[in-house]
Amino acid sequence: MKELNPYAWIDRSLATIKQANWYRSTQAIESFPGAEATIDGQVLLNFGSNDYLGLAGDERVIRAAMTATQQFGTGATGSRLTSGHKQLHTDLELAIASLKGTEAALVFSSGYLANLGTIAALVGNKDAILSDRLNHSSLQNGARLSGAKIIEYNHCDIDALRQQLELHRANYRRCLIITDTVFSMDGDICPLPAILDLASEYDAMLLVDEAHATGIFGQTGAGIVEHYHCVGQPAIEMGTLSKAIGSLGGYVAGSRSLIDFLKNRCASWIYTTGLSPADTAAAIAAIEIITTTSQRQQLWENVAYFKQSIAARLPDLHLIPSASPIICIELPDAQTALAIGSQLRQAGIFAPAIRPPTVPTSRIRISLMATHQQLQLERLVTALGTIFSKTKSS
């Protein structure tokens, strides 16, 4: 009798993933956060980090985390509705609400949890979700978890969104539009004012994911909502504390009634241990730095310098249109992306190859930081020029 193995499919699936050049594995960063990263003993220029302002290694942020750990220990020890709530959590939520210009905010243990739980709490099987086709996985999976009817619209296409609302809105009890504000794998920005207008016209809620915008865009670093002068308009703002804010966790900001509702109906907040004291205090310190200094100015100077250098020296490089510190070089296939990533690493540069199914087309994703120096940007441009000139001639 043939022995059955109910787990044999896993090895077959892994073989398929490897054959398609989609296989992924972790690589340990062995160094302090910053413009350089040590991987497998090799010091590389780091263009793969989302630490856009360099705050993950800022002494003030580290000191705040250490002080909170000494005072409150390493963990919250429980969900915030039982034993895990600290005054630090309230302080952070007040800081986020102040930054975002909303009545209140709620902190989650990760941005992914914030999206999963919030979307599932807001809509159900009698409702509809209108979702940008290139939304982050957490938005997409939150939509699936909710049980609502999911209707995708073409990326950043206002006419397509309007058409879908016209066709479907009347058939559902509630409607929720969900979109990233800065798309993490392209670097482009959603047309927020037009989406807000459509939400109002069609009696729809709007949830925007500010993960890659918070701390970077807007006069005070509040994000794309502030960048477009839309503060105070009815929207649910979600974001993370793990990118420009340099800590860990996620948040939702909005009306006081929304936040009170989530505290009572959002499973990914109710049943999850609270954010650690260190992460909470680090985020508070980072937000204070963002709102009281010109930390963003150097970042945007680096973005401008890099784009100007590419335009002048590598005009044929196929860059995906971007208005953010995320700059992607589109490539024909996964094999080419892996090869270019490997050649960059040989040149002393870490810039990851991003492949399907994460993105529809393969690419090298470059993320710029305020802590990059001009000479380091020059090294990247020079390396790209050398690599792509060889690719073009071969």
Foldseek 3Di string as FASTA:
>chain_A
DDDDDPCPVVVVVQVVCVVQLNDDDDWDFPDADDQWTATPNFIFGEQAALQFLSLLRDPLLQVLLVVLCVVPNWFLPFFCVPRRDDVLQVLLFVLLCVLQVAPTKHWFQALLLVQLQLLLLPAACQEEEEEEPLAAPSNVNSPVNNNYHYDYFYHLDLVRVLVCLVVPLVRGDAYEYEEEQQRQQAAAGHPPVSVLVSCVVSVHAYEYEFASFALAAAPLRSGVCRNVPNRPRGYKYKYFCCGNVNAGTIMIGHYPVSVVSCCVRGCSRRGDRDHTSSRSSSSSSSSVCSRPDVSNPLSVVLQVLLVVLCCVQPVPFQWRDHDAQKIKGFDAGSVVLVVLQVQSVVLRHHFHWDHPPSDPTIITIGGHHSRDDPVNSVSVSVSVNVVVVVVVVD
